[in-house]
Every structure is written in C-alpha cells, then in structure tokens.
C-alpha atoms as a PDB file:
ATOM      1  CA  MET A   1     -19.580 279.174 170.335  1.00  0.00           C
ATOM      2  CA  VAL A   2     -22.750 277.406 170.468  1.00  0.00           C
ATOM      3  CA  ILE A   3     -25.996 278.719 171.952  1.00  0.00           C
ATOM      4  CA  GLY A   4     -28.382 275.977 173.296  1.00  0.00           C
ATOM      5  CA  HIS A   5     -32.149 276.447 174.191  1.00  0.00           C
ATOM      6  CA  THR A   6     -33.565 273.781 176.678  1.00  0.00           C
ATOM      7  CA  GLU A   7     -36.530 273.637 179.173  1.00  0.00           C
ATOM      8  CA  PRO A   8     -36.126 276.236 182.015  1.00  0.00           C
ATOM      9  CA  GLY A   9     -35.125 274.931 185.049  1.00  0.00           C
ATOM     10  CA  ALA A  10     -33.023 272.112 183.415  1.00  0.00           C
ATOM     11  CA  THR A  11     -29.545 271.655 184.699  1.00  0.00           C
ATOM     12  CA  VAL A  12     -26.722 271.660 181.725  1.00  0.00           C
ATOM     13  CA  ARG A  13     -23.312 270.358 181.906  1.00  0.00           C
ATOM     14  CA  PHE A  14     -20.422 270.338 179.481  1.00  0.00           C
ATOM     15  CA  ALA A  15     -16.639 269.832 179.941  1.00  0.00           C
ATOM     16  CA  ASP A  16     -16.504 269.590 183.650  1.00  0.00           C
ATOM     17  CA  ARG A  17     -18.727 272.916 184.070  1.00  0.00           C
ATOM     18  CA  THR A  18     -22.431 273.310 185.227  1.00  0.00           C
ATOM     19  CA  LEU A  19     -23.610 276.056 182.690  1.00  0.00           C
ATOM     20  CA  ARG A  20     -25.409 278.755 183.496  1.00  0.00           C
ATOM     21  CA  VAL A  21     -29.064 278.186 182.105  1.00  0.00           C
ATOM     22  CA  SER A  22     -31.675 281.465 181.799  1.00  0.00           C
ATOM     23  CA  ASP A  23     -34.926 281.770 183.086  1.00  0.00           C
ATOM     24  CA  ASP A  24     -36.246 281.127 179.216  1.00  0.00           C
ATOM     25  CA  GLY A  25     -33.619 278.054 179.165  1.00  0.00           C
ATOM     26  CA  VAL A  26     -30.847 279.803 177.255  1.00  0.00           C
ATOM     27  CA  PHE A  27     -27.091 278.720 177.365  1.00  0.00           C
ATOM     28  CA  VAL A  28     -23.589 279.127 175.705  1.00  0.00           C
ATOM     29  CA  PHE A  29     -20.549 277.149 175.487  1.00  0.00           C
ATOM     30  CA  GLY A  30     -17.571 277.197 173.232  1.00  0.00           C
ATOM     31  CA  PHE A  31     -14.654 274.533 171.881  1.00  0.00           C
ATOM     32  CA  HIS A  32     -11.111 275.520 172.312  1.00  0.00           C
ATOM     33  CA  ARG A  33      -8.564 275.164 169.424  1.00  0.00           C
ATOM     34  CA  ASP A  34      -7.139 271.974 170.907  1.00  0.00           C
ATOM     35  CA  ASP A  35     -10.651 270.297 172.073  1.00  0.00           C
ATOM     36  CA  PRO A  36     -10.960 266.624 171.047  1.00  0.00           C
ATOM     37  CA  PRO A  37     -12.683 265.544 168.184  1.00  0.00           C
ATOM     38  CA  ASN A  38     -15.706 264.030 170.459  1.00  0.00           C
ATOM     39  CA  MET A  39     -17.171 265.665 173.595  1.00  0.00           C
ATOM     40  CA  SER A  40     -20.649 265.719 175.006  1.00  0.00           C
ATOM     41  CA  LEU A  41     -23.271 267.902 176.511  1.00  0.00           C
ATOM     42  CA  GLU A  42     -25.510 266.362 179.674  1.00  0.00           C
ATOM     43  CA  VAL A  43     -28.941 267.471 180.167  1.00  0.00           C
ATOM     44  CA  GLU A  44     -31.065 267.062 183.417  1.00  0.00           C
ATOM     45  CA  TYR A  45     -34.590 268.189 183.114  1.00  0.00           C
ATOM     46  CA  PRO A  46     -36.785 269.509 185.625  1.00  0.00           C
ATOM     47  CA  ASP A  47     -38.741 265.973 185.823  1.00  0.00           C
ATOM     48  CA  LYS A  48     -35.261 264.594 186.261  1.00  0.00           C
ATOM     49  CA  THR A  49     -34.938 262.727 183.280  1.00  0.00           C
ATOM     50  CA  ALA A  50     -31.818 262.909 181.531  1.00  0.00           C
ATOM     51  CA  GLU A  51     -29.655 262.603 178.362  1.00  0.00           C
ATOM     52  CA  THR A  52     -26.295 263.049 176.885  1.00  0.00           C
ATOM     53  CA  ILE A  53     -25.798 264.540 173.614  1.00  0.00           C
ATOM     54  CA  ALA A  54     -22.740 263.733 171.659  1.00  0.00           C
ATOM     55  CA  LEU A  55     -20.822 266.435 170.145  1.00  0.00           C
ATOM     56  CA  GLU A  56     -18.792 265.591 166.952  1.00  0.00           C
ATOM     57  CA  ILE A  57     -16.177 268.725 166.391  1.00  0.00           C
ATOM     58  CA  ALA A  58     -14.935 269.015 163.157  1.00  0.00           C
ATOM     59  CA  GLN A  59     -11.290 269.324 162.962  1.00  0.00           C
ATOM     60  CA  ARG A  60      -8.935 271.836 161.399  1.00  0.00           C
ATOM     61  CA  GLN A  61      -5.268 272.714 160.403  1.00  0.00           C
ATOM     62  CA  TYR A  62      -3.958 275.830 161.428  1.00  0.00           C
ATOM     63  CA  ASP A  63      -1.039 277.393 159.876  1.00  0.00           C
ATOM     64  CA  ILE A  64       2.393 278.642 160.879  1.00  0.00           C
ATOM     65  CA  GLN A  65       2.986 282.416 161.182  1.00  0.00           C
ATOM     66  CA  ARG A  66       6.561 283.603 161.745  1.00  0.00           C
ATOM     67  CA  ILE A  67       7.151 287.093 163.076  1.00  0.00           C
ATOM     68  CA  ASP A  68      10.579 288.258 163.264  1.00  0.00           C
ATOM     69  CA  GLY A  69      11.697 291.830 164.631  1.00  0.00           C
ATOM     70  CA  LEU A  70      10.053 291.984 168.104  1.00  0.00           C
ATOM     71  CA  PRO A  71      12.278 293.380 170.872  1.00  0.00           C
ATOM     72  CA  GLN A  72      13.824 290.471 172.271  1.00  0.00           C
ATOM     73  CA  LYS A  73      12.466 290.987 175.783  1.00  0.00           C
ATOM     74  CA  LYS A  74       9.126 291.019 174.292  1.00  0.00           C
ATOM     75  CA  VAL A  75       9.916 287.826 173.435  1.00  0.00           C
ATOM     76  CA  SER A  76      11.998 286.222 176.237  1.00  0.00           C
ATOM     77  CA  PRO A  77      10.954 288.483 179.036  1.00  0.00           C
ATOM     78  CA  PRO A  78      14.168 289.774 181.470  1.00  0.00           C
ATOM     79  CA  ALA A  79      13.410 288.131 185.004  1.00  0.00           C
ATOM     80  CA  GLU A  80      12.906 291.592 186.403  1.00  0.00           C
ATOM     81  CA  VAL A  81       9.390 291.710 184.582  1.00  0.00           C
ATOM     82  CA  ILE A  82       8.081 288.411 185.327  1.00  0.00           C
ATOM     83  CA  GLU A  83       6.525 289.187 188.581  1.00  0.00           C
ATOM     84  CA  ARG A  84       4.794 292.309 186.350  1.00  0.00           C
ATOM     85  CA  ILE A  85       3.521 289.584 184.015  1.00  0.00           C
ATOM     86  CA  GLN A  86       2.258 287.399 186.272  1.00  0.00           C
ATOM     87  CA  ARG A  87       0.138 289.705 188.288  1.00  0.00           C
ATOM     88  CA  GLU A  88      -1.253 291.044 184.822  1.00  0.00           C
ATOM     89  CA  ALA A  89      -2.030 287.499 184.148  1.00  0.00           C
ATOM     90  CA  ALA A  90      -3.849 286.727 187.188  1.00  0.00           C
ATOM     91  CA  ALA A  91      -6.015 290.139 186.777  1.00  0.00           C
ATOM     92  CA  VAL A  92      -6.821 288.848 183.378  1.00  0.00           C
ATOM     93  CA  ARG A  93      -7.760 285.530 184.624  1.00  0.00           C
ATOM     94  CA  LYS A  94     -10.075 286.787 187.360  1.00  0.00           C
ATOM     95  CA  ALA A  95     -12.122 288.867 184.608  1.00  0.00           C
ATOM     96  CA  ARG A  96     -12.339 285.938 182.419  1.00  0.00           C
ATOM     97  CA  ALA A  97     -13.879 283.834 185.201  1.00  0.00           C
ATOM     98  CA  ARG A  98     -16.884 286.056 185.279  1.00  0.00           C
ATOM     99  CA  ASP A  99     -20.475 284.248 185.087  1.00  0.00           C
ATOM    100  CA  THR A 100     -23.180 287.011 184.932  1.00  0.00           C
ATOM    101  CA  GLY A 101     -26.744 286.346 183.764  1.00  0.00           C
ATOM    102  CA  ILE A 102     -26.430 288.731 180.838  1.00  0.00           C
ATOM    103  CA  GLU A 103     -27.102 287.548 177.519  1.00  0.00           C
ATOM    104  CA  GLU A 104     -25.940 290.279 175.152  1.00  0.00           C
ATOM    105  CA  PHE A 105     -24.554 287.260 173.061  1.00  0.00           C
ATOM    106  CA  VAL A 106     -27.863 285.964 171.434  1.00  0.00           C
ATOM    107  CA  ASN A 107     -28.056 289.572 169.364  1.00  0.00           C
ATOM    108  CA  GLY A 108     -24.868 288.799 167.123  1.00  0.00           C
ATOM    109  CA  PHE A 109     -21.550 290.228 166.774  1.00  0.00           C
ATOM    110  CA  LEU A 110     -20.188 293.012 164.715  1.00  0.00           C
ATOM    111  CA  TRP A 111     -16.441 293.523 163.264  1.00  0.00           C
ATOM    112  CA  PRO A 112     -15.011 295.844 166.074  1.00  0.00           C
ATOM    113  CA  VAL A 113     -13.132 297.584 163.169  1.00  0.00           C
ATOM    114  CA  ASP A 114     -12.545 297.517 159.288  1.00  0.00           C
ATOM    115  CA  GLY A 115      -9.231 296.392 157.707  1.00  0.00           C
ATOM    116  CA  PRO A 116      -7.134 293.503 156.352  1.00  0.00           C
ATOM    117  CA  ILE A 117      -6.750 290.696 158.549  1.00  0.00           C
ATOM    118  CA  SER A 118      -3.054 290.151 159.297  1.00  0.00           C
ATOM    119  CA  GLY A 119      -3.595 287.362 161.663  1.00  0.00           C
ATOM    120  CA  VAL A 120      -5.920 284.489 162.383  1.00  0.00           C
ATOM    121  CA  TYR A 121      -6.936 282.099 165.162  1.00  0.00           C
ATOM    122  CA  GLY A 122      -5.017 279.055 165.984  1.00  0.00           C
ATOM    123  CA  SER A 123      -1.997 279.948 164.055  1.00  0.00           C
ATOM    124  CA  GLN A 124       1.273 278.531 165.649  1.00  0.00           C
ATOM    125  CA  ARG A 125       3.434 281.393 166.497  1.00  0.00           C
ATOM    126  CA  VAL A 126       7.033 281.651 165.942  1.00  0.00           C
ATOM    127  CA  LEU A 127       8.533 284.911 167.093  1.00  0.00           C
ATOM    128  CA  ASN A 128      11.841 285.860 166.696  1.00  0.00           C
ATOM    129  CA  GLY A 129      12.702 282.413 165.328  1.00  0.00           C
ATOM    130  CA  LYS A 130      11.224 280.749 168.342  1.00  0.00           C
ATOM    131  CA  PRO A 131       8.090 278.491 168.894  1.00  0.00           C
ATOM    132  CA  ARG A 132       5.434 280.625 171.363  1.00  0.00           C
ATOM    133  CA  GLN A 133       1.826 280.017 172.236  1.00  0.00           C
ATOM    134  CA  PRO A 134      -0.782 279.564 169.134  1.00  0.00           C
ATOM    135  CA  HIS A 135      -2.863 282.707 168.343  1.00  0.00           C
ATOM    136  CA  TYR A 136      -5.630 283.098 170.150  1.00  0.00           C
ATOM    137  CA  GLY A 137      -7.454 285.756 168.291  1.00  0.00           C
ATOM    138  CA  VAL A 138      -7.994 287.487 164.767  1.00  0.00           C
ATOM    139  CA  ASP A 139      -5.761 290.424 163.917  1.00  0.00           C
ATOM    140  CA  VAL A 140      -7.411 293.272 161.908  1.00  0.00           C
ATOM    141  CA  ALA A 141      -4.581 296.038 160.502  1.00  0.00           C
ATOM    142  CA  ALA A 142      -5.341 299.608 160.824  1.00  0.00           C
ATOM    143  CA  PRO A 143      -3.877 302.914 161.457  1.00  0.00           C
ATOM    144  CA  THR A 144      -3.231 303.716 165.141  1.00  0.00           C
ATOM    145  CA  GLY A 145      -6.075 305.844 166.394  1.00  0.00           C
ATOM    146  CA  THR A 146      -8.758 303.977 164.162  1.00  0.00           C
ATOM    147  CA  PRO A 147     -12.089 303.875 166.629  1.00  0.00           C
ATOM    148  CA  VAL A 148     -12.545 300.175 168.021  1.00  0.00           C
ATOM    149  CA  ALA A 149     -16.567 299.774 168.278  1.00  0.00           C
ATOM    150  CA  ALA A 150     -17.748 296.893 170.710  1.00  0.00           C
ATOM    151  CA  PRO A 151     -18.966 293.853 168.512  1.00  0.00           C
ATOM    152  CA  ALA A 152     -21.756 293.194 171.121  1.00  0.00           C
ATOM    153  CA  ALA A 153     -23.280 295.013 173.570  1.00  0.00           C
ATOM    154  CA  GLY A 154     -21.797 293.974 177.709  1.00  0.00           C
ATOM    155  CA  THR A 155     -20.376 295.141 180.927  1.00  0.00           C
ATOM    156  CA  VAL A 156     -16.467 296.316 180.861  1.00  0.00           C
ATOM    157  CA  SER A 157     -14.929 293.844 183.203  1.00  0.00           C
ATOM    158  CA  PHE A 158     -11.197 294.995 182.568  1.00  0.00           C
ATOM    159  CA  ALA A 159      -9.617 298.015 181.290  1.00  0.00           C
ATOM    160  CA  GLU A 160      -5.779 298.771 181.308  1.00  0.00           C
ATOM    161  CA  PRO A 161      -3.925 300.724 179.739  1.00  0.00           C
ATOM    162  CA  ASP A 162      -0.439 299.322 179.663  1.00  0.00           C
ATOM    163  CA  LEU A 163      -0.191 295.442 179.968  1.00  0.00           C
ATOM    164  CA  TYR A 164       3.412 294.156 179.113  1.00  0.00           C
ATOM    165  CA  PHE A 165       2.597 291.757 176.394  1.00  0.00           C
ATOM    166  CA  SER A 166      -0.870 293.024 175.244  1.00  0.00           C
ATOM    167  CA  GLY A 167      -0.501 296.857 175.863  1.00  0.00           C
ATOM    168  CA  GLY A 168      -3.734 298.580 175.777  1.00  0.00           C
ATOM    169  CA  THR A 169      -6.341 296.011 177.012  1.00  0.00           C
ATOM    170  CA  LEU A 170      -9.809 295.808 177.040  1.00  0.00           C
ATOM    171  CA  MET A 171     -12.710 293.105 178.178  1.00  0.00           C
ATOM    172  CA  ILE A 172     -16.432 292.961 177.686  1.00  0.00           C
ATOM    173  CA  ASP A 173     -18.340 290.512 179.728  1.00  0.00           C
ATOM    174  CA  HIS A 174     -21.390 289.573 177.404  1.00  0.00           C
ATOM    175  CA  GLY A 175     -22.741 287.227 179.813  1.00  0.00           C
ATOM    176  CA  HIS A 176     -22.651 283.575 180.572  1.00  0.00           C
ATOM    177  CA  GLY A 177     -18.863 283.408 180.886  1.00  0.00           C
ATOM    178  CA  LEU A 178     -18.777 284.848 177.370  1.00  0.00           C
ATOM    179  CA  ALA A 179     -16.170 287.762 176.844  1.00  0.00           C
ATOM    180  CA  SER A 180     -14.383 289.810 174.249  1.00  0.00           C
ATOM    181  CA  ALA A 181     -11.101 291.075 174.574  1.00  0.00           C
ATOM    182  CA  PHE A 182      -9.346 293.470 172.602  1.00  0.00           C
ATOM    183  CA  LEU A 183      -5.439 293.935 172.634  1.00  0.00           C
ATOM    184  CA  HIS A 184      -2.673 296.711 171.481  1.00  0.00           C
ATOM    185  CA  MET A 185      -4.965 299.414 171.731  1.00  0.00           C
ATOM    186  CA  GLN A 186      -3.418 302.970 171.982  1.00  0.00           C
ATOM    187  CA  SER A 187      -6.501 304.010 173.947  1.00  0.00           C
ATOM    188  CA  VAL A 188      -9.153 302.399 176.094  1.00  0.00           C
ATOM    189  CA  GLU A 189     -12.171 304.774 176.693  1.00  0.00           C
ATOM    190  CA  VAL A 190     -14.322 302.838 178.712  1.00  0.00           C
ATOM    191  CA  LYS A 191     -14.292 301.959 182.464  1.00  0.00           C
ATOM    192  CA  VAL A 192     -14.593 298.766 184.262  1.00  0.00           C
ATOM    193  CA  GLY A 193     -18.496 298.323 184.930  1.00  0.00           C
ATOM    194  CA  GLU A 194     -19.807 300.570 182.758  1.00  0.00           C
ATOM    195  CA  ARG A 195     -22.341 299.268 179.827  1.00  0.00           C
ATOM    196  CA  VAL A 196     -21.665 299.503 176.087  1.00  0.00           C
ATOM    197  CA  GLU A 197     -24.037 299.117 173.429  1.00  0.00           C
ATOM    198  CA  ARG A 198     -23.246 297.034 169.989  1.00  0.00           C
ATOM    199  CA  GLY A 199     -21.117 299.556 167.652  1.00  0.00           C
ATOM    200  CA  GLN A 200     -20.118 302.065 170.794  1.00  0.00           C
ATOM    201  CA  ARG A 201     -16.675 303.350 170.229  1.00  0.00           C
ATOM    202  CA  ILE A 202     -14.607 302.007 173.130  1.00  0.00           C
ATOM    203  CA  GLY A 203     -11.348 303.027 172.138  1.00  0.00           C
ATOM    204  CA  THR A 204      -8.875 303.400 169.260  1.00  0.00           C
ATOM    205  CA  VAL A 205      -6.225 300.872 167.327  1.00  0.00           C
ATOM    206  CA  GLY A 206      -2.783 300.804 168.326  1.00  0.00           C
ATOM    207  CA  ALA A 207       0.778 299.147 168.684  1.00  0.00           C
ATOM    208  CA  THR A 208       1.198 298.857 172.166  1.00  0.00           C
ATOM    209  CA  GLY A 209       2.785 295.570 173.970  1.00  0.00           C
ATOM    210  CA  ARG A 210       4.363 293.319 171.934  1.00  0.00           C
ATOM    211  CA  ALA A 211       3.393 294.428 168.397  1.00  0.00           C
ATOM    212  CA  THR A 212       5.387 295.175 165.385  1.00  0.00           C
ATOM    213  CA  GLY A 213       2.843 297.523 163.795  1.00  0.00           C
ATOM    214  CA  ALA A 214      -0.563 298.806 164.421  1.00  0.00           C
ATOM    215  CA  HIS A 215      -3.556 296.422 164.832  1.00  0.00           C
ATOM    216  CA  LEU A 216      -6.472 295.360 166.753  1.00  0.00           C
ATOM    217  CA  ASP A 217      -6.155 291.823 168.451  1.00  0.00           C
ATOM    218  CA  TRP A 218      -9.527 291.142 168.814  1.00  0.00           C
ATOM    219  CA  ARG A 219     -10.142 287.629 171.289  1.00  0.00           C
ATOM    220  CA  VAL A 220     -13.424 285.828 172.015  1.00  0.00           C
ATOM    221  CA  ASN A 221     -13.164 283.480 175.460  1.00  0.00           C
ATOM    222  CA  TRP A 222     -15.757 281.384 177.097  1.00  0.00           C
ATOM    223  CA  PHE A 223     -14.229 281.127 180.213  1.00  0.00           C
ATOM    224  CA  GLU A 224     -10.797 279.539 179.697  1.00  0.00           C
ATOM    225  CA  LYS A 225     -11.208 278.314 176.448  1.00  0.00           C
ATOM    226  CA  ARG A 226     -10.348 280.405 173.666  1.00  0.00           C
ATOM    227  CA  LEU A 227     -13.072 280.821 170.399  1.00  0.00           C
ATOM    228  CA  ASP A 228     -12.232 281.888 167.122  1.00  0.00           C
ATOM    229  CA  PRO A 229     -13.938 285.435 166.796  1.00  0.00           C
ATOM    230  CA  GLN A 230     -14.318 285.012 162.963  1.00  0.00           C
ATOM    231  CA  LEU A 231     -16.780 282.127 163.557  1.00  0.00           C
ATOM    232  CA  LEU A 232     -19.266 284.695 165.395  1.00  0.00           C
ATOM    233  CA  THR A 233     -19.569 287.062 161.956  1.00  0.00           C
ATOM    234  CA  ILE A 234     -21.362 286.016 159.098  1.00  0.00           C
ATOM    235  CA  ILE A 235     -19.248 288.596 157.029  1.00  0.00           C
ATOM    236  CA  LYS A 236     -16.546 291.010 157.284  1.00  0.00           C
ATOM    237  CA  GLN A 237     -18.023 294.553 157.383  1.00  0.00           C
END
C-alpha cells in the first residue's frame, strides 16, 4: 500500500485507473503480487502541468505451501455447486469495487487477532497435491471463538456467514478502494452499512469453508489488486 500526497485538485492515474484524490490531496494505491518491476504514476496538476513518476518495485521470492487433508469437494468442487461459487464470487467482486471518500487507511492498521502466523501472502498453494492460486492473505492460527478486531476503522461492505470456499466472510471498506477481508470466521457480528472503529470486535475466529483448522485469513485489497497485509503493520502484536 502506498499513500500519496499531492496538490488538491490534481488528477492522479495509476495502472489505467484515475485515483480518488481527497480535498486535502491524499490518495492511495497498491501493488499486486505479480505486478511488473517498473510502473508509473501520472499526475496532472490544477495548472495543467503534468509529470510522470517512475516507480521501481522490489521483487520478492514466494514460498510453496502444500496443504493436504482438505475435503476433495473443496479442492475440485462438484458441478452442482459451481453456480453458487460464481454467484458468491460476483458478490465479493462488487464489494471490492467500492470507491468511497472515507480515509481510514491514513490512521494505520492493527493486527486483527493474535496468534502464530500459519500462512503468508503470495505463497503458491498446492492443495491435496494440486496447484492452485497463490495465497493472497496472512493466516493467523487461533482457537475457534477467539475475538477478531477491526484492524482499521471503516464501513462494513460485505458480511456473509457461509461462503463455499471462505466460510464466514466479512469485508470492511477503509476508503478509496482499500478494503480488508476476513475469511473462515465462526461468527460475523457486524452488518453491511455499519461503521466500525479500529480495535472494535467484529466477529470470531473459525474453521469454516475450505480450512483444515481454526485460523483467521486476513486479506487487504486495493480494488482488484491483492496487497500484503503484513506490510501494513509495524510489529505483530
């Protein structure tokens, strides 16, 4: 995640998107796991002058994580649940597309739950011996029922108790397209449209959906780009 400051009234573009710029010139954007090493930020100022800022992105190596013992229907879903999976994915994409003017991301992020890290961002997943998508969150192992706190303030944009893959799933809009997602929850204790404060209880850890044990999968998205949540926090609390 990158927070930028520019002149109020400037137009900022990144990755084929015109960014929301607040009245005091704040904007935010982020890098996905597989973004190229060189990208650019385009800024047009109120006086119509413009500049292009070259961005050099440090490249990382990602681990391979092998997870066995999952129910086979959660790895290769049967035909009768495909429509459900597609419907749920469309609802999540809609929530992720929100672009609101709130700026809660400027106040920093806390860890939503304490516990050992059992899975990291970007690792290639091999499920029951079959390669699947990389992991786009950070997994924190904790007993079922452990309280989960909002890492930053925002508005609840998605709250469902039972998605096929992610089980109890919650999303919080932090503004300007930046959102946190919480997967595999035992309970979701806030509703869509509700404002939550940083540190507020929002639900509990579970093992719902495609999970082999109790943990919280915390994810951060900037629109369709998946960011590394561990880079948003200074220390693990």
